[in-house]
Protein backbone atom coordinates (compact mmCIF):
# COMPACT_ATOMS: atom_id res chain seq x y z
CA UNK A 1 48.69 0.77 8.06
CA UNK A 2 50.93 -1.50 5.95
CA UNK A 3 50.70 -1.97 2.19
CA UNK A 4 49.33 -5.46 2.72
CA UNK A 5 46.57 -4.49 5.13
CA UNK A 6 45.27 -1.61 2.99
CA UNK A 7 44.02 -3.83 0.12
CA UNK A 8 42.50 -6.25 2.61
CA UNK A 9 40.63 -3.43 4.31
CA UNK A 10 39.40 -2.11 0.97
CA UNK A 11 38.12 -5.56 0.01
CA UNK A 12 36.35 -5.90 3.34
CA UNK A 13 34.67 -2.53 2.91
CA UNK A 14 33.58 -3.42 -0.62
CA UNK A 15 32.23 -6.75 0.56
CA UNK A 16 30.34 -5.02 3.34
CA UNK A 17 28.80 -2.60 0.84
CA UNK A 18 27.76 -5.50 -1.38
CA UNK A 19 26.10 -7.26 1.51
CA UNK A 20 24.17 -4.13 2.42
CA UNK A 21 23.09 -3.69 -1.19
CA UNK A 22 21.84 -7.27 -1.28
CA UNK A 23 20.05 -7.21 2.08
CA UNK A 24 16.36 -8.09 2.13
CA UNK A 25 13.70 -5.42 2.61
CA UNK A 26 9.97 -6.00 2.94
CA UNK A 27 8.46 -4.49 -0.28
CA UNK A 28 5.90 -2.21 1.35
CA UNK A 29 5.82 1.51 2.20
CA UNK A 30 2.50 2.61 3.78
CA UNK A 31 -0.07 0.95 1.53
CA UNK A 32 1.76 0.97 -1.81
CA UNK A 33 4.17 -1.82 -2.72
CA UNK A 34 7.80 -0.87 -3.33
CA UNK A 35 10.22 -2.29 -5.90
CA UNK A 36 12.39 -3.78 -3.16
CA UNK A 37 12.62 -7.52 -2.62
CA UNK A 38 13.31 -10.34 -0.23
CA UNK A 39 16.64 -11.99 -1.12
CA UNK A 40 17.63 -15.66 -1.24
CA UNK A 41 15.22 -17.72 0.89
CA UNK A 42 14.60 -14.90 3.37
CA UNK A 43 11.13 -14.44 4.88
CA UNK A 44 9.48 -11.12 5.67
CA UNK A 45 6.53 -10.64 8.01
CA UNK A 46 4.34 -7.53 8.23
CA UNK A 47 1.63 -6.59 10.71
CA UNK A 48 -0.68 -3.74 9.65
CA UNK A 49 -3.09 -1.81 11.84
CA UNK A 50 -5.60 0.89 10.86
CA UNK A 51 -7.81 2.78 13.29
CA UNK A 52 -11.24 3.58 11.84
CA UNK A 53 -12.14 6.53 14.05
CA UNK A 54 -10.86 9.95 12.97
CA UNK A 55 -8.24 11.72 15.06
CA UNK A 56 -10.33 14.90 15.13
CA UNK A 57 -12.97 13.16 17.27
CA UNK A 58 -11.03 14.71 20.21
CA UNK A 59 -9.09 13.50 23.21
CA UNK A 60 -11.90 11.80 25.10
CA UNK A 61 -11.59 8.97 22.55
CA UNK A 62 -7.77 9.05 22.64
CA UNK A 63 -7.76 10.71 19.20
CA UNK A 64 -9.28 7.66 17.54
CA UNK A 65 -7.39 4.96 19.45
CA UNK A 66 -10.59 3.90 21.26
CA UNK A 67 -12.34 3.17 17.98
CA UNK A 68 -12.64 0.08 15.84
CA UNK A 69 -9.52 -1.20 14.07
CA UNK A 70 -8.60 -3.19 10.96
CA UNK A 71 -5.63 -5.50 11.40
CA UNK A 72 -3.71 -7.57 8.85
CA UNK A 73 -0.87 -10.08 8.74
CA UNK A 74 1.29 -10.88 5.72
CA UNK A 75 4.33 -12.91 4.65
CA UNK A 76 6.70 -12.41 1.72
CA UNK A 77 9.13 -15.13 0.69
CA UNK A 78 12.35 -14.83 -1.28
CA UNK A 79 12.85 -17.42 -4.04
CA UNK A 80 16.59 -17.92 -4.46
CA UNK A 81 16.35 -20.04 -7.61
CA UNK A 82 14.70 -17.16 -9.54
CA UNK A 83 16.59 -13.90 -8.84
CA UNK A 84 14.25 -11.05 -7.98
CA UNK A 85 11.15 -13.22 -7.52
CA UNK A 86 9.05 -13.08 -4.34
CA UNK A 87 5.85 -14.86 -3.34
CA UNK A 88 3.48 -13.29 -0.83
CA UNK A 89 0.29 -13.92 1.11
CA UNK A 90 -1.69 -11.45 3.22
CA UNK A 91 -4.91 -11.48 5.18
CA UNK A 92 -6.78 -8.52 6.67
CA UNK A 93 -10.00 -8.22 8.65
CA UNK A 94 -11.57 -5.82 6.09
CA UNK A 95 -14.22 -8.17 4.66
CA UNK A 96 -11.81 -10.95 5.67
CA UNK A 97 -9.81 -10.20 2.52
CA UNK A 98 -7.17 -12.75 1.54
CA UNK A 99 -4.52 -11.93 -1.09
CA UNK A 100 -1.69 -13.93 -2.59
CA UNK A 101 0.58 -13.50 -5.58
CA UNK A 102 4.04 -12.94 -7.02
CA UNK A 103 6.32 -9.93 -7.41
CA UNK A 104 9.36 -9.86 -9.68
CA UNK A 105 12.03 -7.15 -9.51
CA UNK A 106 12.84 -6.70 -13.20
CA UNK A 107 15.14 -3.66 -12.95
CA UNK A 108 17.55 -2.61 -10.23
CA UNK A 109 19.52 0.26 -11.75
CA UNK A 110 21.54 2.94 -10.08
CA UNK A 111 18.70 5.51 -10.26
CA UNK A 112 15.64 3.47 -11.28
CA UNK A 113 14.17 0.34 -9.75
CA UNK A 114 11.09 -1.46 -11.13
CA UNK A 115 9.01 -4.52 -10.27
CA UNK A 116 5.92 -6.26 -11.61
CA UNK A 117 3.35 -7.49 -9.11
CA UNK A 118 0.27 -9.67 -9.66
CA UNK A 119 -2.13 -10.71 -6.92
CA UNK A 120 -5.44 -12.46 -6.46
CA UNK A 121 -7.79 -11.05 -3.83
CA UNK A 122 -10.83 -12.67 -2.26
CA UNK A 123 -13.22 -11.16 0.26
CA UNK A 124 -14.07 -14.26 2.26
CA UNK A 125 -17.49 -13.10 3.44
CA UNK A 126 -20.93 -13.94 2.13
CA UNK A 127 -21.63 -12.14 -1.14
CA UNK A 128 -24.04 -9.32 -0.39
CA UNK A 129 -25.02 -6.03 -2.00
CA UNK A 130 -24.77 -3.38 0.73
CA UNK A 131 -25.54 0.35 0.71
CA UNK A 132 -21.85 1.02 -0.12
CA UNK A 133 -21.52 -1.64 -2.80
CA UNK A 134 -20.99 -5.39 -3.12
CA UNK A 135 -18.96 -7.34 -0.57
CA UNK A 136 -17.73 -10.89 -1.02
CA UNK A 137 -16.02 -10.10 -4.32
CA UNK A 138 -12.83 -11.46 -5.83
CA UNK A 139 -10.54 -10.38 -8.63
CA UNK A 140 -7.02 -9.62 -9.78
CA UNK A 141 -4.71 -6.65 -9.21
CA UNK A 142 -1.74 -5.91 -11.46
CA UNK A 143 0.78 -3.30 -10.28
CA UNK A 144 4.13 -1.98 -11.52
CA UNK A 145 6.00 -0.37 -8.59
CA UNK A 146 8.55 2.02 -10.09
CA UNK A 147 11.07 3.93 -7.97
CA UNK A 148 13.19 6.87 -9.08
CA UNK A 149 16.17 7.82 -6.91
CA UNK A 150 16.39 11.61 -6.93
CA UNK A 151 19.28 11.17 -4.49
CA UNK A 152 20.30 8.17 -2.40
CA UNK A 153 17.99 9.43 0.35
CA UNK A 154 15.05 10.75 -1.70
CA UNK A 155 13.01 8.15 -3.56
CA UNK A 156 9.98 9.04 -5.69
CA UNK A 157 7.63 6.19 -6.64
CA UNK A 158 4.92 5.58 -9.22
CA UNK A 159 2.63 2.55 -8.90
CA UNK A 160 0.41 2.03 -11.98
CA UNK A 161 -2.37 -0.32 -10.89
CA UNK A 162 -5.25 -2.14 -12.56
CA UNK A 163 -7.96 -3.78 -10.45
CA UNK A 164 -10.33 -6.05 -12.36
CA UNK A 165 -13.34 -5.69 -10.05
CA UNK A 166 -14.41 -3.22 -7.35
CA UNK A 167 -17.28 -2.91 -4.89
CA UNK A 168 -19.39 -0.82 -7.31
CA UNK A 169 -18.80 -2.91 -10.44
CA UNK A 170 -22.21 -3.74 -12.01
CA UNK A 171 -24.00 -1.14 -9.86
CA UNK A 172 -25.57 2.13 -11.00
CA UNK A 173 -23.55 4.96 -9.45
CA UNK A 174 -25.35 7.79 -7.71
CA UNK A 175 -24.62 11.36 -8.78
CA UNK A 176 -24.48 14.62 -6.79
CA UNK A 177 -27.81 16.43 -6.25
CA UNK A 178 -28.98 18.20 -9.40
CA UNK A 179 -26.77 16.19 -11.78
CA UNK A 180 -28.09 14.01 -14.57
CA UNK A 181 -28.83 10.55 -13.16
CA UNK A 182 -26.79 7.59 -14.36
CA UNK A 183 -28.83 5.02 -16.26
CA UNK A 184 -26.07 2.51 -17.03
CA UNK A 185 -24.25 0.40 -14.44
CA UNK A 186 -20.57 0.85 -13.69
CA UNK A 187 -18.71 -1.84 -15.60
CA UNK A 188 -15.16 -3.09 -15.95
CA UNK A 189 -12.15 -2.59 -13.76
CA UNK A 190 -10.29 0.48 -12.54
CA UNK A 191 -6.92 1.88 -13.57
CA UNK A 192 -5.11 4.17 -11.16
CA UNK A 193 -1.59 5.42 -10.45
CA UNK A 194 -0.42 5.72 -6.86
CA UNK A 195 2.30 8.22 -5.98
CA UNK A 196 4.80 7.97 -3.17
CA UNK A 197 7.90 9.58 -1.71
CA UNK A 198 10.42 8.43 0.90
CA UNK A 199 12.98 10.82 2.39
CA UNK A 200 15.72 9.48 4.62
CA UNK A 201 16.87 11.83 7.38
CA UNK A 202 19.26 9.39 9.05
CA UNK A 203 20.09 5.71 8.67
CA UNK A 204 17.13 4.93 10.94
CA UNK A 205 14.53 7.68 10.47
CA UNK A 206 12.69 8.59 7.28
CA UNK A 207 9.52 10.33 6.07
CA UNK A 208 6.99 8.48 3.91
CA UNK A 209 4.11 9.96 1.95
CA UNK A 210 1.59 8.44 -0.46
CA UNK A 211 -1.22 9.75 -2.65
CA UNK A 212 -4.05 7.69 -4.15
CA UNK A 213 -5.89 9.75 -6.81
CA UNK A 214 -9.61 9.36 -7.32
CA UNK A 215 -10.11 7.25 -10.49
CA UNK A 216 -11.57 9.28 -13.35
CA UNK A 217 -14.68 7.08 -13.61
CA UNK A 218 -15.76 8.30 -10.14
CA UNK A 219 -15.18 12.02 -10.77
CA UNK A 220 -18.90 12.66 -11.35
CA UNK A 221 -20.30 10.07 -8.96
CA UNK A 222 -21.45 10.23 -5.35
CA UNK A 223 -20.35 7.60 -2.82
CA UNK A 224 -22.95 4.95 -2.10
CA UNK A 225 -24.13 4.42 1.46
CA UNK A 226 -22.16 7.22 3.14
CA UNK A 227 -23.56 9.02 6.18
CA UNK A 228 -21.07 11.91 6.49
CA UNK A 229 -22.57 14.16 3.81
CA UNK A 230 -19.99 13.50 1.08
CA UNK A 231 -21.23 14.33 -2.41
CA UNK A 232 -18.16 13.02 -4.27
CA UNK A 233 -15.51 10.35 -4.00
CA UNK A 234 -12.30 11.58 -2.38
CA UNK A 235 -8.59 11.35 -3.11
CA UNK A 236 -6.67 9.24 -0.64
CA UNK A 237 -3.38 9.89 1.15
CA UNK A 238 -1.05 8.61 3.85
CA UNK A 239 1.93 10.33 5.49
CA UNK A 240 4.15 9.64 8.47
CA UNK A 241 7.53 8.51 9.75
CA UNK A 242 9.43 5.25 9.62
CA UNK A 243 12.01 3.94 12.06
CA UNK A 244 14.36 1.15 10.98
CA UNK A 245 16.49 -0.92 13.26
CA UNK A 246 18.14 -4.31 12.90
CA UNK A 247 15.76 -6.32 10.65
CA UNK A 248 12.75 -4.35 11.91
CA UNK A 249 10.89 -1.39 10.42
CA UNK A 250 8.16 0.44 12.30
CA UNK A 251 6.02 3.02 10.46
CA UNK A 252 3.50 5.39 12.07
CA UNK A 253 1.30 7.60 9.92
CA UNK A 254 -2.02 9.31 9.34
CA UNK A 255 -4.27 8.29 6.45
CA UNK A 256 -7.81 8.82 5.19
CA UNK A 257 -7.85 5.38 3.51
CA UNK A 258 -8.80 2.59 5.91
CA UNK A 259 -7.79 -0.26 3.59
CA UNK A 260 -4.40 -1.82 2.92
CA UNK A 261 -4.72 -4.06 -0.16
CA UNK A 262 -4.57 -2.93 -3.81
CA UNK A 263 -8.31 -3.34 -4.37
CA UNK A 264 -9.10 -1.43 -1.16
CA UNK A 265 -6.70 1.49 -1.63
CA UNK A 266 -6.40 1.98 -5.38
CA UNK A 267 -9.97 1.20 -6.50
CA UNK A 268 -11.31 4.52 -5.16
CA UNK A 269 -14.72 3.13 -4.14
CA UNK A 270 -13.97 0.62 -1.36
CA UNK A 271 -16.36 1.28 1.53
CA UNK A 272 -17.49 4.50 -0.12
CA UNK A 273 -13.93 5.54 -0.91
CA UNK A 274 -11.43 7.43 1.24
CA UNK A 275 -12.72 9.71 3.98
CA UNK A 276 -12.55 13.47 3.63
CA UNK A 277 -9.05 14.81 4.19
CA UNK A 278 -9.98 16.24 7.61
CA UNK A 279 -11.21 12.82 8.75
CA UNK A 280 -7.84 11.07 8.73
CA UNK A 281 -6.99 8.33 11.20
CA UNK A 282 -3.88 6.78 12.70
CA UNK A 283 -2.28 3.64 11.32
CA UNK A 284 0.96 1.71 11.65
CA UNK A 285 2.95 -1.10 10.02
CA UNK A 286 5.55 -3.35 11.66
CA UNK A 287 7.79 -5.33 9.30
CA UNK A 288 10.38 -7.97 10.27
CA UNK A 289 12.90 -9.80 8.08
CA UNK A 290 14.11 -13.30 8.94
């Protein structure tokens, strides 16, 4: 290698690293948003799929694959004129929920990355009070995805979330047998903090895990309209593997939360809340960057 070619090679390597650092990534892990972003005018597409039937229902039902499913389709758009800003829309079959909003990456440090996300959600079905709560609701969700890089390959995330309205807002919550009955309706929104971790094993394979704590306001309440004998709302979780190839990311996991949007996953009471931990089901996401 000559003295002239060495600097050129170094510049090329640095340029390549910069391009990789500025590449677009769909800002979604399993159900929690990440602090990543779509760059320039890039477009990201995600297809989500959740099986409703539990895996433990045995092999005759293909471990839940024969059961009912919830599917969703979303788009996230980079906005080049405002660095760090993305716009997104998403629609899922769960109560025909439609969401749209903005996410701004406000910090992209060496060990900490942070974004602010605001979305409007609408359940585009006829407003009805069911045994599990009210469907046909709408509201706002504010989230602050925060990522801490323990190492380059281990990322811990916190997602503080506030949902203005949930399925049990304005309803009187039931209590476990023998407890003092509630006499006042549940009012106001819900604050919750989702937890996540991503561990990269190779450039292509990684582990993803998420935890959705039960909001404190439901700690002494019993899910409405459930038929599986639950006497309390449950904590939610999701865990699985992700495979990344050129502009594609495929994630396969198990989860006890059937929803995908902020109001479905972080509210704690959607559809009676998460299933019991033993009643987890299969789900997957497919993301593509253009």
